[in-house]
Protein backbone atom coordinates (compact mmCIF):
# COMPACT_ATOMS: atom_id res chain seq x y z
CA UNK A 1 0.00 0.00 0.00
CA UNK A 2 1.39 3.44 -0.90
CA UNK A 3 2.35 5.67 2.01
CA UNK A 4 -0.33 8.13 3.26
CA UNK A 5 1.51 11.09 1.75
CA UNK A 6 1.34 9.57 -1.72
CA UNK A 7 -2.37 8.78 -1.36
CA UNK A 8 -3.03 12.32 -0.33
CA UNK A 9 -1.07 13.60 -3.33
CA UNK A 10 -3.04 11.37 -5.67
CA UNK A 11 -6.36 12.62 -4.33
CA UNK A 12 -5.33 16.24 -4.60
CA UNK A 13 -4.05 15.79 -8.14
CA UNK A 14 -7.24 14.03 -9.15
CA UNK A 15 -9.34 16.90 -7.91
CA UNK A 16 -6.83 19.32 -9.37
CA UNK A 17 -7.20 21.46 -6.30
CA UNK A 18 -3.58 21.12 -5.47
CA UNK A 19 -0.95 23.22 -7.13
CA UNK A 20 2.33 21.89 -8.36
CA UNK A 21 5.47 22.42 -6.32
CA UNK A 22 5.97 26.15 -6.13
CA UNK A 23 8.81 27.46 -8.20
CA UNK A 24 11.15 29.83 -6.45
CA UNK A 25 10.06 33.45 -6.72
CA UNK A 26 12.74 35.81 -7.99
CA UNK A 27 13.39 38.69 -5.55
CA UNK A 28 12.50 42.06 -7.07
CA UNK A 29 13.68 45.26 -5.39
CA UNK A 30 11.58 48.41 -5.50
CA UNK A 31 12.94 50.75 -8.14
CA UNK A 32 14.77 47.96 -9.96
CA UNK A 33 14.22 47.50 -13.69
CA UNK A 34 14.65 43.83 -14.58
CA UNK A 35 14.72 42.07 -17.92
CA UNK A 36 13.17 38.68 -18.51
CA UNK A 37 12.12 36.14 -21.08
CA UNK A 38 9.16 33.79 -20.77
CA UNK A 39 8.24 30.94 -23.07
CA UNK A 40 4.76 30.63 -24.56
CA UNK A 41 2.28 29.17 -22.04
CA UNK A 42 4.84 29.34 -19.23
CA UNK A 43 5.35 31.45 -16.08
CA UNK A 44 8.07 33.47 -14.38
CA UNK A 45 7.50 34.39 -10.72
CA UNK A 46 8.69 37.44 -8.78
CA UNK A 47 8.22 38.83 -5.27
CA UNK A 48 8.74 42.48 -4.29
CA UNK A 49 8.88 43.46 -0.57
CA UNK A 50 6.69 46.49 0.22
CA UNK A 51 7.76 48.88 3.02
CA UNK A 52 5.23 49.87 5.68
CA UNK A 53 5.44 53.54 4.72
CA UNK A 54 4.46 52.90 1.09
CA UNK A 55 1.07 54.51 0.52
CA UNK A 56 1.10 53.51 -3.17
CA UNK A 57 3.23 51.52 -5.59
CA UNK A 58 3.30 51.42 -9.37
CA UNK A 59 3.91 48.32 -11.49
CA UNK A 60 5.10 48.61 -15.08
CA UNK A 61 5.62 45.88 -17.65
CA UNK A 62 6.93 46.57 -21.16
CA UNK A 63 7.13 43.90 -23.86
CA UNK A 64 10.17 44.11 -26.11
CA UNK A 65 8.52 41.48 -28.28
CA UNK A 66 5.72 38.98 -27.78
CA UNK A 67 2.78 39.23 -25.41
CA UNK A 68 3.42 38.86 -21.65
CA UNK A 69 0.52 39.02 -19.17
CA UNK A 70 1.06 39.99 -15.54
CA UNK A 71 -0.87 38.73 -12.49
CA UNK A 72 -0.60 40.51 -9.12
CA UNK A 73 -1.52 39.52 -5.56
CA UNK A 74 -0.56 40.37 -2.00
CA UNK A 75 -2.23 37.25 -0.62
CA UNK A 76 -1.35 34.39 -3.01
CA UNK A 77 2.08 33.14 -4.04
CA UNK A 78 2.53 32.65 -7.78
CA UNK A 79 -0.90 34.04 -8.74
CA UNK A 80 -2.54 33.10 -12.02
CA UNK A 81 -5.64 34.30 -13.83
CA UNK A 82 -7.96 32.58 -11.37
CA UNK A 83 -6.21 33.64 -8.13
CA UNK A 84 -4.79 37.09 -8.93
CA UNK A 85 -6.33 40.22 -7.43
CA UNK A 86 -5.23 42.33 -10.42
CA UNK A 87 -4.64 41.25 -14.00
CA UNK A 88 -2.58 43.19 -16.56
CA UNK A 89 -3.24 41.50 -19.89
CA UNK A 90 -3.43 44.33 -22.41
CA UNK A 91 -1.02 44.61 -25.32
CA UNK A 92 1.98 46.93 -25.21
CA UNK A 93 3.37 48.81 -22.21
CA UNK A 94 1.01 48.69 -19.25
CA UNK A 95 1.11 50.18 -15.77
CA UNK A 96 -1.00 49.74 -12.63
CA UNK A 97 -1.03 52.09 -9.63
CA UNK A 98 -1.91 50.29 -6.39
CA UNK A 99 -2.89 52.42 -3.40
CA UNK A 100 -2.78 51.13 0.16
CA UNK A 101 -6.57 51.52 0.48
CA UNK A 102 -7.05 49.13 -2.46
CA UNK A 103 -8.50 45.66 -1.93
CA UNK A 104 -6.08 43.26 -0.19
CA UNK A 105 -3.18 45.74 -0.24
CA UNK A 106 -0.68 44.39 2.32
CA UNK A 107 -3.21 42.70 4.65
CA UNK A 108 -0.33 41.48 6.85
CA UNK A 109 3.23 42.53 7.65
CA UNK A 110 5.86 41.92 6.47
CA UNK A 111 4.28 42.41 3.08
CA UNK A 112 5.30 41.31 -0.40
CA UNK A 113 3.71 41.79 -3.80
CA UNK A 114 3.68 38.54 -5.76
CA UNK A 115 3.97 38.88 -9.53
CA UNK A 116 3.56 36.19 -12.18
CA UNK A 117 4.54 36.89 -15.78
CA UNK A 118 2.67 34.57 -18.14
CA UNK A 119 3.73 34.06 -21.74
CA UNK A 120 0.55 34.38 -23.76
CA UNK A 121 3.12 34.35 -26.52
CA UNK A 122 6.87 33.88 -26.05
CA UNK A 123 8.02 37.29 -24.86
CA UNK A 124 10.98 39.36 -23.76
CA UNK A 125 9.98 42.07 -21.29
CA UNK A 126 11.07 44.74 -18.83
CA UNK A 127 9.46 44.76 -15.37
CA UNK A 128 9.62 47.29 -12.55
CA UNK A 129 7.86 48.01 -9.24
CA UNK A 130 8.53 51.36 -7.61
CA UNK A 131 7.32 53.36 -4.64
CA UNK A 132 4.82 55.96 -5.76
CA UNK A 133 4.01 57.31 -2.30
CA UNK A 134 2.64 60.85 -2.00
CA UNK A 135 3.64 62.02 -5.45
CA UNK A 136 1.93 65.37 -5.01
CA UNK A 137 3.99 66.25 -1.95
CA UNK A 138 7.35 65.75 -3.65
CA UNK A 139 7.52 69.20 -5.20
CA UNK A 140 10.13 70.47 -7.62
CA UNK A 141 12.89 70.05 -5.06
CA UNK A 142 12.32 66.27 -4.96
CA UNK A 143 10.84 65.08 -8.27
CA UNK A 144 9.52 61.56 -8.72
CA UNK A 145 12.42 60.32 -10.83
CA UNK A 146 13.77 63.20 -12.95
CA UNK A 147 13.33 67.01 -13.19
CA UNK A 148 10.38 68.05 -15.38
CA UNK A 149 9.15 64.45 -15.64
CA UNK A 150 5.43 64.30 -14.97
CA UNK A 151 4.41 61.10 -13.23
CA UNK A 152 1.44 60.75 -15.56
CA UNK A 153 3.73 60.82 -18.61
CA UNK A 154 5.17 57.45 -17.63
CA UNK A 155 3.90 54.50 -19.69
CA UNK A 156 1.59 56.66 -21.80
CA UNK A 157 2.81 55.18 -25.09
CA UNK A 158 4.98 58.18 -26.01
CA UNK A 159 8.72 58.45 -25.35
CA UNK A 160 9.14 61.69 -23.36
CA UNK A 161 12.73 62.99 -23.36
CA UNK A 162 12.46 64.37 -19.80
CA UNK A 163 11.59 60.90 -18.47
CA UNK A 164 14.02 58.90 -20.59
CA UNK A 165 16.37 58.11 -17.69
CA UNK A 166 17.31 55.00 -15.75
CA UNK A 167 15.60 56.37 -12.63
CA UNK A 168 12.37 56.81 -14.61
CA UNK A 169 12.72 53.34 -16.15
CA UNK A 170 13.15 54.94 -19.59
CA UNK A 171 9.79 56.70 -19.38
CA UNK A 172 8.11 53.66 -17.92
CA UNK A 173 9.22 51.56 -20.88
CA UNK A 174 7.97 53.96 -23.56
CA UNK A 175 11.51 54.63 -24.78
CA UNK A 176 12.50 50.96 -24.80
CA UNK A 177 10.37 50.24 -27.87
CA UNK A 178 9.98 52.20 -31.07
CA UNK A 179 6.74 54.13 -31.49
CA UNK A 180 5.80 56.05 -34.58
CA UNK A 181 3.14 58.60 -33.74
CA UNK A 182 0.17 58.45 -36.10
CA UNK A 183 0.75 54.83 -37.12
CA UNK A 184 -1.08 51.68 -36.11
CA UNK A 185 1.66 50.74 -33.62
CA UNK A 186 1.41 54.07 -31.81
CA UNK A 187 -2.39 53.94 -31.72
CA UNK A 188 -2.37 50.68 -29.78
CA UNK A 189 0.82 51.35 -27.78
CA UNK A 190 2.78 48.74 -29.71
CA UNK A 191 -0.16 46.36 -29.36
CA UNK A 192 -0.64 45.63 -33.05
CA UNK A 193 2.51 44.76 -35.00
CA UNK A 194 2.05 45.18 -38.73
CA UNK A 195 2.77 41.47 -39.19
CA UNK A 196 -0.52 40.70 -37.44
CA UNK A 197 -2.62 42.50 -40.05
CA UNK A 198 -3.94 40.10 -42.67
CA UNK A 199 -2.32 37.05 -41.07
CA UNK A 200 -5.57 35.07 -40.91
CA UNK A 201 -6.02 35.54 -37.14
CA UNK A 202 -8.55 38.00 -35.74
CA UNK A 203 -6.59 40.22 -33.32
CA UNK A 204 -8.73 42.41 -31.08
CA UNK A 205 -5.81 44.82 -30.59
CA UNK A 206 -5.78 45.50 -34.36
CA UNK A 207 -9.52 45.90 -34.72
CA UNK A 208 -9.40 49.70 -35.07
CA UNK A 209 -9.51 51.95 -38.12
CA UNK A 210 -5.84 52.93 -37.74
CA UNK A 211 -4.93 49.25 -38.15
CA UNK A 212 -7.21 48.76 -41.15
CA UNK A 213 -9.65 46.70 -39.03
CA UNK A 214 -7.04 43.94 -38.91
CA UNK A 215 -7.28 43.48 -42.66
CA UNK A 216 -9.75 40.74 -43.50
CA UNK A 217 -8.96 38.66 -40.44
CA UNK A 218 -12.14 39.46 -38.49
CA UNK A 219 -14.49 38.67 -41.39
CA UNK A 220 -15.14 42.38 -41.88
CA UNK A 221 -14.61 43.19 -45.54
CA UNK A 222 -16.05 46.71 -45.53
CA UNK A 223 -15.83 49.44 -42.92
CA UNK A 224 -19.59 50.09 -43.36
CA UNK A 225 -20.28 46.75 -41.67
CA UNK A 226 -18.52 47.90 -38.48
CA UNK A 227 -21.07 49.46 -36.15
CA UNK A 228 -18.49 51.28 -33.98
CA UNK A 229 -14.70 51.48 -33.67
CA UNK A 230 -13.39 48.66 -31.53
CA UNK A 231 -16.68 46.72 -31.38
CA UNK A 232 -16.49 43.28 -32.91
CA UNK A 233 -19.73 41.70 -34.10
CA UNK A 234 -19.14 38.58 -32.04
CA UNK A 235 -19.20 40.71 -28.87
CA UNK A 236 -22.85 41.66 -29.36
CA UNK A 237 -25.24 39.46 -27.36
CA UNK A 238 -22.38 37.45 -25.88
CA UNK A 239 -23.44 37.97 -22.24
CA UNK A 240 -20.98 40.78 -21.42
CA UNK A 241 -21.65 44.52 -21.71
CA UNK A 242 -18.75 45.82 -23.81
CA UNK A 243 -18.08 49.54 -23.52
CA UNK A 244 -17.06 49.79 -27.20
CA UNK A 245 -20.41 48.28 -28.28
CA UNK A 246 -22.62 50.13 -25.80
CA UNK A 247 -23.58 52.81 -28.32
CA UNK A 248 -26.67 53.44 -30.43
CA UNK A 249 -24.93 52.38 -33.65
CA UNK A 250 -24.40 48.89 -32.17
CA UNK A 251 -27.88 48.70 -30.64
CA UNK A 252 -26.31 49.13 -27.21
CA UNK A 253 -24.52 45.77 -27.42
CA UNK A 254 -27.80 43.94 -28.02
CA UNK A 255 -29.24 42.74 -24.72
CA UNK A 256 -25.88 42.73 -22.90
CA UNK A 257 -26.08 46.23 -21.40
CA UNK A 258 -29.75 46.01 -20.34
CA UNK A 259 -30.51 49.20 -22.26
CA UNK A 260 -34.21 48.30 -22.59
CA UNK A 261 -34.62 47.28 -18.94
CA UNK A 262 -37.15 49.03 -16.70
CA UNK A 263 -36.71 49.89 -13.01
CA UNK A 264 -38.54 46.68 -12.04
CA UNK A 265 -36.80 44.19 -9.77
CA UNK A 266 -38.00 41.59 -7.23
CA UNK A 267 -35.13 40.80 -4.85
CA UNK A 268 -35.17 42.84 -1.64
CA UNK A 269 -31.42 43.57 -1.87
CA UNK A 270 -31.70 44.65 -5.52
CA UNK A 271 -29.28 42.00 -6.80
CA UNK A 272 -31.58 41.59 -9.82
CA UNK A 273 -31.87 45.33 -10.50
CA UNK A 274 -30.94 46.12 -14.12
CA UNK A 275 -32.31 49.65 -14.38
CA UNK A 276 -30.41 52.72 -15.55
CA UNK A 277 -30.06 54.79 -12.39
CA UNK A 278 -26.52 56.22 -12.51
CA UNK A 279 -26.41 58.71 -9.62
CA UNK A 280 -26.13 58.18 -5.86
CA UNK A 281 -28.39 59.33 -3.05
CA UNK A 282 -26.25 62.51 -2.78
CA UNK A 283 -26.49 63.07 -6.55
CA UNK A 284 -22.92 61.96 -7.32
CA UNK A 285 -22.28 60.53 -10.79
CA UNK A 286 -21.45 56.83 -10.87
CA UNK A 287 -18.16 55.53 -12.24
CA UNK A 288 -18.20 52.95 -15.03
CA UNK A 289 -17.65 49.42 -13.77
CA UNK A 290 -14.92 48.97 -16.37
CA UNK A 291 -13.01 52.01 -15.08
CA UNK A 292 -10.31 51.96 -12.39
CA UNK A 293 -10.19 55.73 -11.89
CA UNK A 294 -10.57 57.48 -9.53
CA UNK A 295 -11.18 54.29 -7.49
CA UNK A 296 -9.48 50.94 -7.97
CA UNK A 297 -11.65 47.91 -7.44
CA UNK A 298 -12.16 44.26 -8.35
CA UNK A 299 -15.94 44.46 -8.84
CA UNK A 300 -15.80 43.64 -12.53
CA UNK A 301 -17.67 41.43 -14.99
CA UNK A 302 -14.73 39.04 -14.85
CA UNK A 303 -15.30 38.43 -11.12
CA UNK A 304 -19.11 38.78 -11.15
CA UNK A 305 -20.22 37.51 -14.59
CA UNK A 306 -23.94 37.34 -13.76
CA UNK A 307 -24.30 40.67 -11.95
CA UNK A 308 -25.02 42.92 -14.94
CA UNK A 309 -21.69 44.76 -14.76
CA UNK A 310 -19.58 45.97 -17.70
CA UNK A 311 -19.11 49.05 -19.84
CA UNK A 312 -21.74 51.26 -18.19
CA UNK A 313 -22.21 53.23 -14.96
CA UNK A 314 -25.63 51.95 -13.82
CA UNK A 315 -26.19 51.10 -10.16
CA UNK A 316 -25.90 47.42 -9.29
CA UNK A 317 -25.53 45.14 -6.26
CA UNK A 318 -23.29 42.24 -7.37
CA UNK A 319 -24.20 38.99 -5.61
CA UNK A 320 -26.20 40.97 -3.05
CA UNK A 321 -23.07 42.11 -1.20
CA UNK A 322 -24.82 45.23 0.11
CA UNK A 323 -28.37 45.93 1.27
CA UNK A 324 -29.37 47.69 -1.97
CA UNK A 325 -27.90 48.81 -5.35
CA UNK A 326 -24.83 51.05 -5.22
CA UNK A 327 -21.92 52.27 -7.35
CA UNK A 328 -18.40 53.70 -7.20
CA UNK A 329 -18.50 57.45 -7.57
CA UNK A 330 -16.52 59.75 -9.85
CA UNK A 331 -15.59 61.83 -6.80
CA UNK A 332 -12.03 60.94 -5.64
CA UNK A 333 -13.06 61.62 -2.02
CA UNK A 334 -16.11 59.32 -1.95
CA UNK A 335 -15.34 55.73 -2.94
CA UNK A 336 -18.92 54.44 -3.20
CA UNK A 337 -22.48 55.27 -2.20
CA UNK A 338 -25.92 53.73 -2.34
CA UNK A 339 -28.27 54.67 -5.14
CA UNK A 340 -31.77 56.04 -4.77
CA UNK A 341 -33.53 53.26 -6.68
CA UNK A 342 -37.20 52.44 -6.05
CA UNK A 343 -38.17 49.64 -3.67
CA UNK A 344 -38.55 46.09 -4.91
CA UNK A 345 -41.77 45.50 -6.91
CA UNK A 346 -42.77 49.20 -6.61
CA UNK A 347 -41.78 49.99 -10.22
CA UNK A 348 -43.12 46.73 -11.69
CA UNK A 349 -46.22 46.46 -13.82
CA UNK A 350 -48.66 43.66 -13.08
CA UNK A 351 -46.96 40.27 -13.65
CA UNK A 352 -43.80 42.02 -14.96
CA UNK A 353 -40.69 39.85 -14.91
CA UNK A 354 -37.38 41.63 -14.10
CA UNK A 355 -34.96 42.06 -16.98
CA UNK A 356 -32.33 39.95 -15.18
CA UNK A 357 -34.71 36.97 -15.38
CA UNK A 358 -35.92 37.70 -18.91
CA UNK A 359 -32.41 37.85 -20.32
CA UNK A 360 -31.63 34.28 -19.25
CA UNK A 361 -34.15 33.01 -21.80
CA UNK A 362 -33.87 35.80 -24.37
CA UNK A 363 -30.42 35.09 -25.80
CA UNK A 364 -30.14 31.84 -27.77
CA UNK A 365 -27.16 29.52 -27.60
CA UNK A 366 -25.95 30.46 -31.08
CA UNK A 367 -26.78 33.48 -33.25
CA UNK A 368 -26.08 32.79 -36.91
CA UNK A 369 -24.96 35.46 -39.38
CA UNK A 370 -21.94 36.72 -41.33
CA UNK A 371 -20.13 36.88 -37.98
CA UNK A 372 -21.76 34.34 -35.63
CA UNK A 373 -22.21 35.33 -31.99
CA UNK A 374 -23.86 34.12 -28.83
CA UNK A 375 -22.76 32.19 -25.72
CA UNK A 376 -21.49 29.13 -27.63
CA UNK A 377 -19.27 31.27 -29.87
CA UNK A 378 -17.86 33.17 -26.89
CA UNK A 379 -17.35 29.91 -25.00
CA UNK A 380 -15.16 28.52 -27.78
CA UNK A 381 -13.31 31.82 -28.27
CA UNK A 382 -12.41 32.23 -24.60
CA UNK A 383 -11.45 28.60 -23.87
CA UNK A 384 -9.73 28.00 -27.20
CA UNK A 385 -8.38 24.66 -28.31
CA UNK A 386 -8.57 21.61 -26.07
CA UNK A 387 -6.40 18.57 -25.45
CA UNK A 388 -2.77 18.63 -26.52
CA UNK A 389 -3.21 21.92 -28.41
CA UNK A 390 -4.62 23.80 -25.40
CA UNK A 391 -2.86 26.52 -23.41
CA UNK A 392 -3.02 27.08 -19.66
CA UNK A 393 -3.70 30.78 -20.13
CA UNK A 394 -6.91 30.16 -22.09
CA UNK A 395 -8.40 26.99 -20.65
CA UNK A 396 -7.73 27.98 -17.01
CA UNK A 397 -8.78 31.62 -17.29
CA UNK A 398 -11.69 33.29 -15.55
CA UNK A 399 -12.91 34.39 -18.98
CA UNK A 400 -13.19 30.74 -20.05
CA UNK A 401 -15.04 29.80 -16.88
CA UNK A 402 -17.42 32.77 -17.17
CA UNK A 403 -18.18 31.92 -20.78
CA UNK A 404 -18.74 28.27 -19.81
CA UNK A 405 -21.26 29.38 -17.20
CA UNK A 406 -23.15 31.56 -19.68
CA UNK A 407 -23.23 28.76 -22.27
CA UNK A 408 -24.43 26.26 -19.65
CA UNK A 409 -27.51 28.42 -19.10
CA UNK A 410 -28.62 28.40 -22.73
CA UNK A 411 -27.06 25.57 -24.76
CA UNK A 412 -28.03 22.24 -23.11
CA UNK A 413 -31.68 22.67 -24.18
CA UNK A 414 -30.97 24.02 -27.68
CA UNK A 415 -32.11 21.26 -30.08
CA UNK A 416 -29.77 22.41 -32.86
CA UNK A 417 -26.50 23.02 -31.03
CA UNK A 418 -26.71 20.96 -27.82
CA UNK A 419 -24.73 18.02 -29.26
CA UNK A 420 -21.95 20.33 -30.48
CA UNK A 421 -21.98 22.06 -27.10
CA UNK A 422 -21.90 18.79 -25.14
CA UNK A 423 -18.88 17.51 -27.09
CA UNK A 424 -16.93 20.73 -26.50
CA UNK A 425 -17.86 20.74 -22.81
CA UNK A 426 -16.47 17.24 -22.39
CA UNK A 427 -13.22 18.27 -24.09
CA UNK A 428 -12.93 21.40 -21.93
CA UNK A 429 -13.54 19.50 -18.69
CA UNK A 430 -10.83 16.92 -19.37
CA UNK A 431 -8.42 19.62 -20.56
CA UNK A 432 -8.98 21.60 -17.34
CA UNK A 433 -8.27 18.42 -15.43
CA UNK A 434 -5.03 17.90 -17.33
CA UNK A 435 -3.92 21.45 -16.50
CA UNK A 436 -4.91 20.98 -12.85
CA UNK A 437 -7.31 23.92 -12.73
CA UNK A 438 -10.65 23.10 -11.12
CA UNK A 439 -11.97 26.41 -9.81
CA UNK A 440 -14.77 26.63 -12.38
CA UNK A 441 -17.95 26.18 -10.33
CA UNK A 442 -20.13 25.12 -13.25
CA UNK A 443 -18.08 21.90 -13.59
CA UNK A 444 -17.68 21.19 -9.88
CA UNK A 445 -19.63 17.93 -10.00
CA UNK A 446 -17.36 16.64 -12.76
CA UNK A 447 -14.25 17.54 -10.75
CA UNK A 448 -15.70 15.86 -7.64
CA UNK A 449 -16.21 12.66 -9.63
CA UNK A 450 -12.65 12.94 -10.90
CA UNK A 451 -11.52 13.21 -7.28
CA UNK A 452 -13.17 9.87 -6.52
CA UNK A 453 -11.61 8.31 -9.62
CA UNK A 454 -8.19 9.62 -8.64
CA UNK A 455 -8.57 8.33 -5.09
CA UNK A 456 -9.19 4.85 -6.46
CA UNK A 457 -6.78 4.68 -9.37
CA UNK A 458 -4.28 7.43 -8.71
CA UNK A 459 -3.21 10.37 -10.89
CA UNK A 460 -2.08 8.09 -13.71
CA UNK A 461 -5.68 7.04 -14.29
CA UNK A 462 -6.93 10.60 -14.29
CA UNK A 463 -4.17 11.68 -16.63
CA UNK A 464 -4.80 8.78 -19.03
CA UNK A 465 -8.56 9.36 -19.21
CA UNK A 466 -8.06 12.74 -20.85
CA UNK A 467 -5.63 11.50 -23.51
CA UNK A 468 -6.20 10.65 -27.16
CA UNK A 469 -5.34 7.01 -26.39
CA UNK A 470 -8.23 6.78 -23.98
CA UNK A 471 -10.60 8.22 -26.56
CA UNK A 472 -9.39 5.64 -29.11
CA UNK A 473 -9.97 2.85 -26.60
CA UNK A 474 -13.39 4.27 -25.80
CA UNK A 475 -14.35 4.30 -29.48
CA UNK A 476 -12.99 0.77 -29.91
CA UNK A 477 -14.99 -0.40 -26.90
CA UNK A 478 -18.14 1.15 -28.36
CA UNK A 479 -17.53 -0.59 -31.69
CA UNK A 480 -17.00 -3.92 -29.94
CA UNK A 481 -20.18 -3.38 -27.92
CA UNK A 482 -22.14 -2.67 -31.09
CA UNK A 483 -20.72 -5.83 -32.72
CA UNK A 484 -21.64 -7.91 -29.67
CA UNK A 485 -25.16 -6.50 -29.74
CA UNK A 486 -25.38 -7.35 -33.44
CA UNK A 487 -24.23 -10.90 -32.76
CA UNK A 488 -26.77 -11.27 -29.96
CA UNK A 489 -29.51 -9.98 -32.25
CA UNK A 490 -28.51 -12.51 -34.96
CA UNK A 491 -28.50 -15.35 -32.42
CA UNK A 492 -31.89 -14.35 -31.04
CA UNK A 493 -33.32 -14.15 -34.51
CA UNK A 494 -31.80 -17.54 -35.41
CA UNK A 495 -33.22 -19.16 -32.29
CA UNK A 496 -36.60 -17.58 -32.93
CA UNK A 497 -36.59 -18.74 -36.56
CA UNK A 498 -35.51 -22.25 -35.53
CA UNK A 499 -38.29 -22.44 -32.98
CA UNK A 500 -40.89 -21.41 -35.57
CA UNK A 501 -39.50 -23.97 -37.99
CA UNK A 502 -39.82 -26.76 -35.41
CA UNK A 503 -43.40 -25.75 -34.64
CA UNK A 504 -44.33 -25.72 -38.33
CA UNK A 505 -42.70 -29.13 -38.82
CA UNK A 506 -44.63 -30.55 -35.89
CA UNK A 507 -47.89 -29.17 -37.27
CA UNK A 508 -47.22 -30.70 -40.67
CA UNK A 509 -46.40 -34.12 -39.20
CA UNK A 510 -49.48 -33.96 -37.02
CA UNK A 511 -51.68 -33.08 -40.01
CA UNK A 512 -50.35 -36.07 -42.06
CA UNK A 513 -51.09 -38.54 -39.28
CA UNK A 514 -54.68 -37.38 -38.94
CA UNK A 515 -55.34 -37.68 -42.67
CA UNK A 516 -53.86 -41.20 -42.71
CA UNK A 517 -56.13 -42.25 -39.88
CA UNK A 518 -59.20 -40.86 -41.64
CA UNK A 519 -58.26 -42.65 -44.85
CA UNK A 520 -57.74 -45.91 -42.95
CA UNK A 521 -61.15 -45.68 -41.40
C-alpha cells in the first residue's frame, strides 16, 4: 500500500485542487528595472517586498517582443488568472497604480507583492515596481524620478525625453520600444505589430480603423459593416456589456447592457436590479464598472459575470453584497455610495418579470450570421483549443469559466446546437483536469467525480482518461459493444426462426397422421 503522503497527493491531483510544487520566486527590489524572457504558455514568478510607509506603488511591464501578461496579488504566491487580485493582460506597455486603500493591499506585515509573468506568446519584457508614495507632496525640489518628468507621462505610449532616464525606467518603458506617432503601432501602444494585419487571425488589438480593421482577419470586408470602432460583431449578445459596443450604432450591445430594462426588480437587496439609475443618493455621478479611476476595485464582470456589470455606470448590487444597489462614484473623495432606486416591486407592472430573469431566456445559444455570436461562440473563443493543443492561459482563465457558465444556461436545451456544445464541454472538462485547474464552479460535479476516480486509481488514471489514447480505446470499446449486440440480435433471430421452424414441422407431421387415420377408417 502506498504511504499516506502519496495517497493524499493522488487525491489532490485528481481533484486538481492542489498546485504543483511552487517554483522559487525571484526577488524584485523596489525601483529595480529587470529584464526577462518567458516561453509561450509558461510562467516566471517574482516577489517584491513592500515597506510599511508605502502609501502607493506602481507596477510597469513593457514587452520588447511577444505578449506577456502579468498577475498581481498580496495574498497568493505565484498568482494566475484565477487567483490574482489584479490582471494586466493588455497589449503593449502597461502600468498599474496600487494604493494602500485598495482591496487586499498588504493585509499582513511583512508584506510582499507577488507577480507572475505569463507568456501568452513567447516574450521578452522589462518589469519594474517602484514606490509611488505621496507624489503630489514631492515638489520640484524632490521630483519623482527626474526634473520636469510628470508622473502621468510614464507609460503613456509616447517616449518623453524628460523621463528617458534610468531612474524613470526609460519613461516607464515607452523609450524601450519604437513608437511612430500616427501609425497603427502608436495607436495601440505597440499592441498591433504590422505582421498581425492580414495574417488570418482576428486580433482584437488591431480591430481599429488605424490598423485597417485587422485586414480581413475578423471577417469584416467593408468598414460600413462595423457598427463602432473597436466593437467586434461577435461581442454583441455574448453575455458581457462591452463599452465599445454600448452605443446606439451597435444597438447598445444587443441585450448585454440592459438598455431596454425598466426599473422593475423583485429581490429585496436589488441584486436583480438592471435599471439605468446612474447617480447616488447625494447626486454623485457613478463611475463605469470597467473604469479603475478614480477608485481601484475588483468588482468587474470578470469576477461577477452574472451581476449585470460591464461598460456602463448603472447602479448594481453584485451577488447581493450590500443591502441595496450602489456604485463607485466619480468623486475621488467618496469611494462608493448607495443609489436612490425604487423599492422592490414598486416599479413593476402587473406580472412584470425583471430584466435579469428575462435575459436568461432571451439570448439563444448560437446566433447565426456573417459573424456568428452568442454564448457558444464566446465559450469557444475564450477557452480555445482543447487537449494537446490547449494553453493554460486560455483553458484555465476566468474568462473561459465565465463563458462556460453563460453557455451552460442556454445551450443544453438548444435542439440544434446541444450536441456540439456537449462535445466541446467534455473536451474542456478533461483539458482543465489535465492542466490541474478546477476552480470553475459550473463543472464542480465533474471535478468531484474525478476526485473519486483519482482516489481509487491514482493520478495516472486521471491523466490517461483525458488523452487521445483513452478516446481511441473508448471508441474501440463502443464498436466492440455494437458488434456484440449485433451478434446477440442474430442469435436471437436464429433461435426464434428455428423455434418457428420446429413448430411448423410438428404441425405438418401432425396433419399427415390425422389424414392417414381418416383414410384408414
